[in-house]
């Protein structure tokens, strides 16, 4: 599969996000893309960074078995988490 090869190559080039390939390939895609274009296209890097954060929050919530209303929106996900007393 060509897509898998490209994702693997992207993970190998990333100093900060490559290790996530074994856990969640989508996080590698968003994180490494943000990392690679931070100086050439800062706006695109911000979009990818936000997508990374939302995907990470979704992965954490589903890993904990959280139903979480409004999946895919970081503000909804953050509000659904319990707060420490």
PDB file of N, CA and C in Angstrom:
ATOM      1  N   UNK A   1       0.834  -1.189   0.000  1.00  0.00           N
ATOM      2  CA  UNK A   1       0.000   0.000   0.000  1.00  0.00           C
ATOM      3  C   UNK A   1       0.877   1.249   0.000  1.00  0.00           C
ATOM      4  N   UNK A   2       0.609   2.120  -0.907  1.00  0.00           N
ATOM      5  CA  UNK A   2       1.403   3.328  -1.043  1.00  0.00           C
ATOM      6  C   UNK A   2       1.175   4.280   0.122  1.00  0.00           C
ATOM      7  N   UNK A   3      -0.041   4.380   0.631  1.00  0.00           N
ATOM      8  CA  UNK A   3      -0.343   5.261   1.754  1.00  0.00           C
ATOM      9  C   UNK A   3       0.407   4.862   3.007  1.00  0.00           C
ATOM     10  N   UNK A   4       0.489   3.551   3.259  1.00  0.00           N
ATOM     11  CA  UNK A   4       1.222   3.066   4.423  1.00  0.00           C
ATOM     12  C   UNK A   4       2.705   3.393   4.315  1.00  0.00           C
ATOM     13  N   UNK A   5       3.249   3.265   3.121  1.00  0.00           N
ATOM     14  CA  UNK A   5       4.667   3.574   2.909  1.00  0.00           C
ATOM     15  C   UNK A   5       4.942   5.058   3.130  1.00  0.00           C
ATOM     16  N   UNK A   6       4.047   5.900   2.654  1.00  0.00           N
ATOM     17  CA  UNK A   6       4.226   7.347   2.846  1.00  0.00           C
ATOM     18  C   UNK A   6       4.125   7.720   4.318  1.00  0.00           C
ATOM     19  N   UNK A   7       3.195   7.108   5.033  1.00  0.00           N
ATOM     20  CA  UNK A   7       3.044   7.381   6.458  1.00  0.00           C
ATOM     21  C   UNK A   7       4.269   6.898   7.230  1.00  0.00           C
ATOM     22  N   UNK A   8       4.782   5.737   6.858  1.00  0.00           N
ATOM     23  CA  UNK A   8       5.993   5.212   7.497  1.00  0.00           C
ATOM     24  C   UNK A   8       7.182   6.142   7.242  1.00  0.00           C
ATOM     25  N   UNK A   9       7.311   6.652   6.025  1.00  0.00           N
ATOM     26  CA  UNK A   9       8.396   7.584   5.701  1.00  0.00           C
ATOM     27  C   UNK A   9       8.238   8.888   6.472  1.00  0.00           C
ATOM     28  N   UNK A  10       7.017   9.374   6.603  1.00  0.00           N
ATOM     29  CA  UNK A  10       6.746  10.588   7.378  1.00  0.00           C
ATOM     30  C   UNK A  10       7.129  10.379   8.837  1.00  0.00           C
ATOM     31  N   UNK A  11       6.799   9.215   9.383  1.00  0.00           N
ATOM     32  CA  UNK A  11       7.139   8.901  10.777  1.00  0.00           C
ATOM     33  C   UNK A  11       8.648   8.832  10.974  1.00  0.00           C
ATOM     34  N   UNK A  12       9.363   8.290  10.019  1.00  0.00           N
ATOM     35  CA  UNK A  12      10.821   8.188  10.131  1.00  0.00           C
ATOM     36  C   UNK A  12      11.489   9.556  10.092  1.00  0.00           C
ATOM     37  N   UNK A  13      10.915  10.497   9.365  1.00  0.00           N
ATOM     38  CA  UNK A  13      11.493  11.843   9.279  1.00  0.00           C
ATOM     39  C   UNK A  13      11.166  12.702  10.492  1.00  0.00           C
ATOM     40  N   UNK A  14      10.168  12.315  11.274  1.00  0.00           N
ATOM     41  CA  UNK A  14       9.729  13.134  12.398  1.00  0.00           C
ATOM     42  C   UNK A  14      10.493  12.792  13.669  1.00  0.00           C
ATOM     43  N   UNK A  15      11.120  13.809  14.241  1.00  0.00           N
ATOM     44  CA  UNK A  15      11.855  13.614  15.491  1.00  0.00           C
ATOM     45  C   UNK A  15      10.919  13.518  16.688  1.00  0.00           C
ATOM     46  N   UNK A  16       9.734  14.093  16.587  1.00  0.00           N
ATOM     47  CA  UNK A  16       8.844  14.190  17.741  1.00  0.00           C
ATOM     48  C   UNK A  16       7.607  13.300  17.686  1.00  0.00           C
ATOM     49  N   UNK A  17       7.190  12.868  16.513  1.00  0.00           N
ATOM     50  CA  UNK A  17       5.921  12.160  16.402  1.00  0.00           C
ATOM     51  C   UNK A  17       6.031  10.764  15.807  1.00  0.00           C
ATOM     52  N   UNK A  18       7.182  10.370  15.337  1.00  0.00           N
ATOM     53  CA  UNK A  18       7.352   9.068  14.688  1.00  0.00           C
ATOM     54  C   UNK A  18       7.015   7.888  15.573  1.00  0.00           C
ATOM     55  N   UNK A  19       7.286   8.002  16.859  1.00  0.00           N
ATOM     56  CA  UNK A  19       7.025   6.890  17.779  1.00  0.00           C
ATOM     57  C   UNK A  19       5.538   6.561  17.900  1.00  0.00           C
ATOM     58  N   UNK A  20       4.684   7.484  17.507  1.00  0.00           N
ATOM     59  CA  UNK A  20       3.239   7.266  17.613  1.00  0.00           C
ATOM     60  C   UNK A  20       2.693   6.335  16.531  1.00  0.00           C
ATOM     61  N   UNK A  21       3.505   6.001  15.549  1.00  0.00           N
ATOM     62  CA  UNK A  21       3.038   5.165  14.442  1.00  0.00           C
ATOM     63  C   UNK A  21       2.494   3.828  14.942  1.00  0.00           C
ATOM     64  N   UNK A  22       3.137   3.254  15.944  1.00  0.00           N
ATOM     65  CA  UNK A  22       2.691   1.964  16.482  1.00  0.00           C
ATOM     66  C   UNK A  22       1.396   2.089  17.280  1.00  0.00           C
ATOM     67  N   UNK A  23       1.076   3.306  17.718  1.00  0.00           N
ATOM     68  CA  UNK A  23      -0.090   3.499  18.575  1.00  0.00           C
ATOM     69  C   UNK A  23      -1.290   4.076  17.827  1.00  0.00           C
ATOM     70  N   UNK A  24      -1.069   5.148  17.093  1.00  0.00           N
ATOM     71  CA  UNK A  24      -2.174   5.832  16.403  1.00  0.00           C
ATOM     72  C   UNK A  24      -1.626   6.552  15.171  1.00  0.00           C
ATOM     73  N   UNK A  25      -1.709   5.924  13.996  1.00  0.00           N
ATOM     74  CA  UNK A  25      -1.149   6.513  12.779  1.00  0.00           C
ATOM     75  C   UNK A  25      -1.690   7.901  12.441  1.00  0.00           C
ATOM     76  N   UNK A  26      -2.946   8.175  12.775  1.00  0.00           N
ATOM     77  CA  UNK A  26      -3.515   9.489  12.477  1.00  0.00           C
ATOM     78  C   UNK A  26      -2.772  10.594  13.229  1.00  0.00           C
ATOM     79  N   UNK A  27      -2.349  10.308  14.461  1.00  0.00           N
ATOM     80  CA  UNK A  27      -1.588  11.295  15.232  1.00  0.00           C
ATOM     81  C   UNK A  27      -0.240  11.578  14.577  1.00  0.00           C
ATOM     82  N   UNK A  28       0.372  10.555  14.001  1.00  0.00           N
ATOM     83  CA  UNK A  28       1.636  10.754  13.280  1.00  0.00           C
ATOM     84  C   UNK A  28       1.405  11.684  12.102  1.00  0.00           C
ATOM     85  N   UNK A  29       0.344  11.432  11.364  1.00  0.00           N
ATOM     86  CA  UNK A  29       0.054  12.248  10.191  1.00  0.00           C
ATOM     87  C   UNK A  29      -0.134  13.713  10.559  1.00  0.00           C
ATOM     88  N   UNK A  30      -0.982  13.988  11.546  1.00  0.00           N
ATOM     89  CA  UNK A  30      -1.235  15.373  11.939  1.00  0.00           C
ATOM     90  C   UNK A  30       0.000  16.018  12.564  1.00  0.00           C
ATOM     91  N   UNK A  31       0.627  15.329  13.498  1.00  0.00           N
ATOM     92  CA  UNK A  31       1.766  15.906  14.214  1.00  0.00           C
ATOM     93  C   UNK A  31       2.973  16.141  13.327  1.00  0.00           C
ATOM     94  N   UNK A  32       3.328  15.147  12.538  1.00  0.00           N
ATOM     95  CA  UNK A  32       4.503  15.280  11.676  1.00  0.00           C
ATOM     96  C   UNK A  32       4.277  16.310  10.574  1.00  0.00           C
ATOM     97  N   UNK A  33       3.055  16.403  10.076  1.00  0.00           N
ATOM     98  CA  UNK A  33       2.761  17.417   9.063  1.00  0.00           C
ATOM     99  C   UNK A  33       2.860  18.816   9.660  1.00  0.00           C
ATOM    100  N   UNK A  34       2.328  18.994  10.865  1.00  0.00           N
ATOM    101  CA  UNK A  34       2.447  20.298  11.539  1.00  0.00           C
ATOM    102  C   UNK A  34       3.912  20.644  11.764  1.00  0.00           C
ATOM    103  N   UNK A  35       4.679  19.659  12.191  1.00  0.00           N
ATOM    104  CA  UNK A  35       6.104  19.854  12.451  1.00  0.00           C
ATOM    105  C   UNK A  35       6.859  20.244  11.173  1.00  0.00           C
ATOM    106  N   UNK A  36       6.498  19.613  10.062  1.00  0.00           N
ATOM    107  CA  UNK A  36       7.245  19.854   8.828  1.00  0.00           C
ATOM    108  C   UNK A  36       6.929  21.193   8.169  1.00  0.00           C
ATOM    109  N   UNK A  37       5.762  21.770   8.452  1.00  0.00           N
ATOM    110  CA  UNK A  37       5.410  23.023   7.767  1.00  0.00           C
ATOM    111  C   UNK A  37       5.324  24.220   8.717  1.00  0.00           C
ATOM    112  N   UNK A  38       5.849  24.081   9.926  1.00  0.00           N
ATOM    113  CA  UNK A  38       5.715  25.160  10.909  1.00  0.00           C
ATOM    114  C   UNK A  38       6.392  26.456  10.448  1.00  0.00           C
ATOM    115  N   UNK A  39       7.490  26.374   9.714  1.00  0.00           N
ATOM    116  CA  UNK A  39       8.193  27.582   9.269  1.00  0.00           C
ATOM    117  C   UNK A  39       7.756  28.042   7.882  1.00  0.00           C
ATOM    118  N   UNK A  40       7.354  27.106   7.040  1.00  0.00           N
ATOM    119  CA  UNK A  40       6.977  27.471   5.675  1.00  0.00           C
ATOM    120  C   UNK A  40       5.514  27.877   5.546  1.00  0.00           C
ATOM    121  N   UNK A  41       4.650  27.296   6.375  1.00  0.00           N
ATOM    122  CA  UNK A  41       3.218  27.599   6.329  1.00  0.00           C
ATOM    123  C   UNK A  41       2.641  27.514   7.743  1.00  0.00           C
ATOM    124  N   UNK A  42       2.870  28.552   8.564  1.00  0.00           N
ATOM    125  CA  UNK A  42       2.435  28.513   9.965  1.00  0.00           C
ATOM    126  C   UNK A  42       0.933  28.306  10.144  1.00  0.00           C
ATOM    127  N   UNK A  43       0.121  28.836   9.238  1.00  0.00           N
ATOM    128  CA  UNK A  43      -1.329  28.653   9.356  1.00  0.00           C
ATOM    129  C   UNK A  43      -1.717  27.182   9.202  1.00  0.00           C
ATOM    130  N   UNK A  44      -1.129  26.519   8.227  1.00  0.00           N
ATOM    131  CA  UNK A  44      -1.399  25.089   8.048  1.00  0.00           C
ATOM    132  C   UNK A  44      -0.899  24.296   9.247  1.00  0.00           C
ATOM    133  N   UNK A  45       0.232  24.710   9.807  1.00  0.00           N
ATOM    134  CA  UNK A  45       0.765  24.033  10.994  1.00  0.00           C
ATOM    135  C   UNK A  45      -0.200  24.156  12.170  1.00  0.00           C
ATOM    136  N   UNK A  46      -0.815  25.327  12.324  1.00  0.00           N
ATOM    137  CA  UNK A  46      -1.800  25.506  13.401  1.00  0.00           C
ATOM    138  C   UNK A  46      -3.027  24.622  13.203  1.00  0.00           C
ATOM    139  N   UNK A  47      -3.481  24.506  11.969  1.00  0.00           N
ATOM    140  CA  UNK A  47      -4.632  23.647  11.679  1.00  0.00           C
ATOM    141  C   UNK A  47      -4.293  22.199  12.010  1.00  0.00           C
ATOM    142  N   UNK A  48      -3.124  21.741  11.573  1.00  0.00           N
ATOM    143  CA  UNK A  48      -2.711  20.363  11.849  1.00  0.00           C
ATOM    144  C   UNK A  48      -2.490  20.145  13.339  1.00  0.00           C
ATOM    145  N   UNK A  49      -1.965  21.141  14.036  1.00  0.00           N
ATOM    146  CA  UNK A  49      -1.767  21.018  15.483  1.00  0.00           C
ATOM    147  C   UNK A  49      -3.112  20.889  16.197  1.00  0.00           C
ATOM    148  N   UNK A  50      -4.094  21.633  15.751  1.00  0.00           N
ATOM    149  CA  UNK A  50      -5.427  21.518  16.356  1.00  0.00           C
ATOM    150  C   UNK A  50      -6.029  20.143  16.070  1.00  0.00           C
ATOM    151  N   UNK A  51      -5.889  19.674  14.836  1.00  0.00           N
ATOM    152  CA  UNK A  51      -6.388  18.345  14.500  1.00  0.00           C
ATOM    153  C   UNK A  51      -5.688  17.280  15.347  1.00  0.00           C
ATOM    154  N   UNK A  52      -4.387  17.461  15.569  1.00  0.00           N
ATOM    155  CA  UNK A  52      -3.637  16.543  16.419  1.00  0.00           C
ATOM    156  C   UNK A  52      -4.225  16.534  17.832  1.00  0.00           C
ATOM    157  N   UNK A  53      -4.447  17.719  18.392  1.00  0.00           N
ATOM    158  CA  UNK A  53      -4.987  17.818  19.745  1.00  0.00           C
ATOM    159  C   UNK A  53      -6.366  17.198  19.874  1.00  0.00           C
ATOM    160  N   UNK A  54      -7.222  17.428  18.892  1.00  0.00           N
ATOM    161  CA  UNK A  54      -8.568  16.856  18.930  1.00  0.00           C
ATOM    162  C   UNK A  54      -8.533  15.341  18.789  1.00  0.00           C
ATOM    163  N   UNK A  55      -7.660  14.840  17.923  1.00  0.00           N
ATOM    164  CA  UNK A  55      -7.540  13.390  17.764  1.00  0.00           C
ATOM    165  C   UNK A  55      -6.959  12.745  19.011  1.00  0.00           C
ATOM    166  N   UNK A  56      -6.002  13.418  19.635  1.00  0.00           N
ATOM    167  CA  UNK A  56      -5.425  12.902  20.872  1.00  0.00           C
ATOM    168  C   UNK A  56      -6.476  12.855  21.974  1.00  0.00           C
ATOM    169  N   UNK A  57      -7.269  13.911  22.101  1.00  0.00           N
ATOM    170  CA  UNK A  57      -8.334  13.932  23.110  1.00  0.00           C
ATOM    171  C   UNK A  57      -9.345  12.821  22.850  1.00  0.00           C
ATOM    172  N   UNK A  58      -9.727  12.620  21.597  1.00  0.00           N
ATOM    173  CA  UNK A  58     -10.662  11.544  21.260  1.00  0.00           C
ATOM    174  C   UNK A  58     -10.077  10.174  21.590  1.00  0.00           C
ATOM    175  N   UNK A  59      -8.790   9.975  21.262  1.00  0.00           N
ATOM    176  CA  UNK A  59      -8.146   8.689  21.551  1.00  0.00           C
ATOM    177  C   UNK A  59      -8.090   8.434  23.051  1.00  0.00           C
ATOM    178  N   UNK A  60      -7.773   9.464  23.817  1.00  0.00           N
ATOM    179  CA  UNK A  60      -7.727   9.309  25.273  1.00  0.00           C
ATOM    180  C   UNK A  60      -9.106   9.008  25.841  1.00  0.00           C
ATOM    181  N   UNK A  61     -10.102   9.761  25.405  1.00  0.00           N
ATOM    182  CA  UNK A  61     -11.457   9.543  25.912  1.00  0.00           C
ATOM    183  C   UNK A  61     -11.980   8.157  25.557  1.00  0.00           C
ATOM    184  N   UNK A  62     -11.772   7.720  24.336  1.00  0.00           N
ATOM    185  CA  UNK A  62     -12.264   6.391  23.965  1.00  0.00           C
ATOM    186  C   UNK A  62     -11.445   5.302  24.644  1.00  0.00           C
ATOM    187  N   UNK A  63     -10.161   5.545  24.885  1.00  0.00           N
ATOM    188  CA  UNK A  63      -9.334   4.586  25.613  1.00  0.00           C
ATOM    189  C   UNK A  63      -9.776   4.411  27.045  1.00  0.00           C
ATOM    190  N   UNK A  64     -10.320   5.449  27.617  1.00  0.00           N
ATOM    191  CA  UNK A  64     -10.827   5.399  28.989  1.00  0.00           C
ATOM    192  C   UNK A  64     -12.283   4.963  29.044  1.00  0.00           C
ATOM    193  N   UNK A  65     -12.877   4.725  27.872  1.00  0.00           N
ATOM    194  CA  UNK A  65     -14.269   4.312  27.821  1.00  0.00           C
ATOM    195  C   UNK A  65     -15.255   5.438  28.072  1.00  0.00           C
ATOM    196  N   UNK A  66     -14.824   6.648  27.770  1.00  0.00           N
ATOM    197  CA  UNK A  66     -15.658   7.833  27.987  1.00  0.00           C
ATOM    198  C   UNK A  66     -16.599   8.024  26.814  1.00  0.00           C
ATOM    199  N   UNK A  67     -17.899   8.147  27.040  1.00  0.00           N
ATOM    200  CA  UNK A  67     -18.794   8.366  25.911  1.00  0.00           C
ATOM    201  C   UNK A  67     -18.615   9.738  25.283  1.00  0.00           C
ATOM    202  N   UNK A  68     -18.361  10.757  26.084  1.00  0.00           N
ATOM    203  CA  UNK A  68     -18.035  12.090  25.603  1.00  0.00           C
ATOM    204  C   UNK A  68     -18.953  12.669  24.557  1.00  0.00           C
ATOM    205  N   UNK A  69     -19.822  13.614  24.921  1.00  0.00           N
ATOM    206  CA  UNK A  69     -20.677  14.253  23.923  1.00  0.00           C
ATOM    207  C   UNK A  69     -19.858  15.124  22.981  1.00  0.00           C
ATOM    208  N   UNK A  70     -20.302  15.233  21.744  1.00  0.00           N
ATOM    209  CA  UNK A  70     -19.651  16.138  20.799  1.00  0.00           C
ATOM    210  C   UNK A  70     -18.261  15.707  20.411  1.00  0.00           C
ATOM    211  N   UNK A  71     -18.047  14.416  20.247  1.00  0.00           N
ATOM    212  CA  UNK A  71     -16.737  13.916  19.859  1.00  0.00           C
ATOM    213  C   UNK A  71     -16.218  14.674  18.652  1.00  0.00           C
ATOM    214  N   UNK A  72     -14.935  14.987  18.651  1.00  0.00           N
ATOM    215  CA  UNK A  72     -14.331  15.703  17.541  1.00  0.00           C
ATOM    216  C   UNK A  72     -14.166  17.183  17.801  1.00  0.00           C
ATOM    217  N   UNK A  73     -14.723  17.679  18.884  1.00  0.00           N
ATOM    218  CA  UNK A  73     -14.536  19.090  19.226  1.00  0.00           C
ATOM    219  C   UNK A  73     -13.828  19.134  20.564  1.00  0.00           C
ATOM    220  N   UNK A  74     -12.663  19.732  20.588  1.00  0.00           N
ATOM    221  CA  UNK A  74     -11.839  19.708  21.794  1.00  0.00           C
ATOM    222  C   UNK A  74     -12.518  20.378  22.977  1.00  0.00           C
ATOM    223  N   UNK A  75     -13.287  21.430  22.745  1.00  0.00           N
ATOM    224  CA  UNK A  75     -13.934  22.108  23.871  1.00  0.00           C
ATOM    225  C   UNK A  75     -14.997  21.222  24.495  1.00  0.00           C
ATOM    226  N   UNK A  76     -15.763  20.509  23.683  1.00  0.00           N
ATOM    227  CA  UNK A  76     -16.771  19.597  24.220  1.00  0.00           C
ATOM    228  C   UNK A  76     -16.112  18.450  24.966  1.00  0.00           C
ATOM    229  N   UNK A  77     -15.035  17.909  24.407  1.00  0.00           N
ATOM    230  CA  UNK A  77     -14.335  16.803  25.048  1.00  0.00           C
ATOM    231  C   UNK A  77     -13.753  17.234  26.379  1.00  0.00           C
ATOM    232  N   UNK A  78     -13.167  18.406  26.427  1.00  0.00           N
ATOM    233  CA  UNK A  78     -12.564  18.894  27.665  1.00  0.00           C
ATOM    234  C   UNK A  78     -13.625  19.149  28.722  1.00  0.00           C
ATOM    235  N   UNK A  79     -14.770  19.658  28.321  1.00  0.00           N
ATOM    236  CA  UNK A  79     -15.842  19.929  29.285  1.00  0.00           C
ATOM    237  C   UNK A  79     -16.457  18.648  29.835  1.00  0.00           C
ATOM    238  N   UNK A  80     -16.399  17.558  29.081  1.00  0.00           N
ATOM    239  CA  UNK A  80     -17.019  16.316  29.532  1.00  0.00           C
ATOM    240  C   UNK A  80     -16.152  15.561  30.530  1.00  0.00           C
ATOM    241  N   UNK A  81     -14.896  15.946  30.676  1.00  0.00           N
ATOM    242  CA  UNK A  81     -14.003  15.267  31.613  1.00  0.00           C
ATOM    243  C   UNK A  81     -14.296  15.727  33.039  1.00  0.00           C
ATOM    244  N   UNK A  82     -14.193  14.802  34.001  1.00  0.00           N
ATOM    245  CA  UNK A  82     -14.439  15.209  35.391  1.00  0.00           C
ATOM    246  C   UNK A  82     -13.321  16.106  35.904  1.00  0.00           C
ATOM    247  N   UNK A  83     -13.653  16.935  36.845  1.00  0.00           N
ATOM    248  CA  UNK A  83     -12.665  17.848  37.427  1.00  0.00           C
ATOM    249  C   UNK A  83     -12.258  17.333  38.796  1.00  0.00           C
ATOM    250  N   UNK A  84     -11.010  17.567  39.137  1.00  0.00           N
ATOM    251  CA  UNK A  84     -10.500  17.205  40.464  1.00  0.00           C
ATOM    252  C   UNK A  84     -11.146  18.108  41.502  1.00  0.00           C
ATOM    253  N   UNK A  85     -11.537  17.564  42.663  1.00  0.00           N
ATOM    254  CA  UNK A  85     -12.133  18.428  43.705  1.00  0.00           C
ATOM    255  C   UNK A  85     -11.109  19.330  44.349  1.00  0.00           C
TER     256      UNK A  85
END
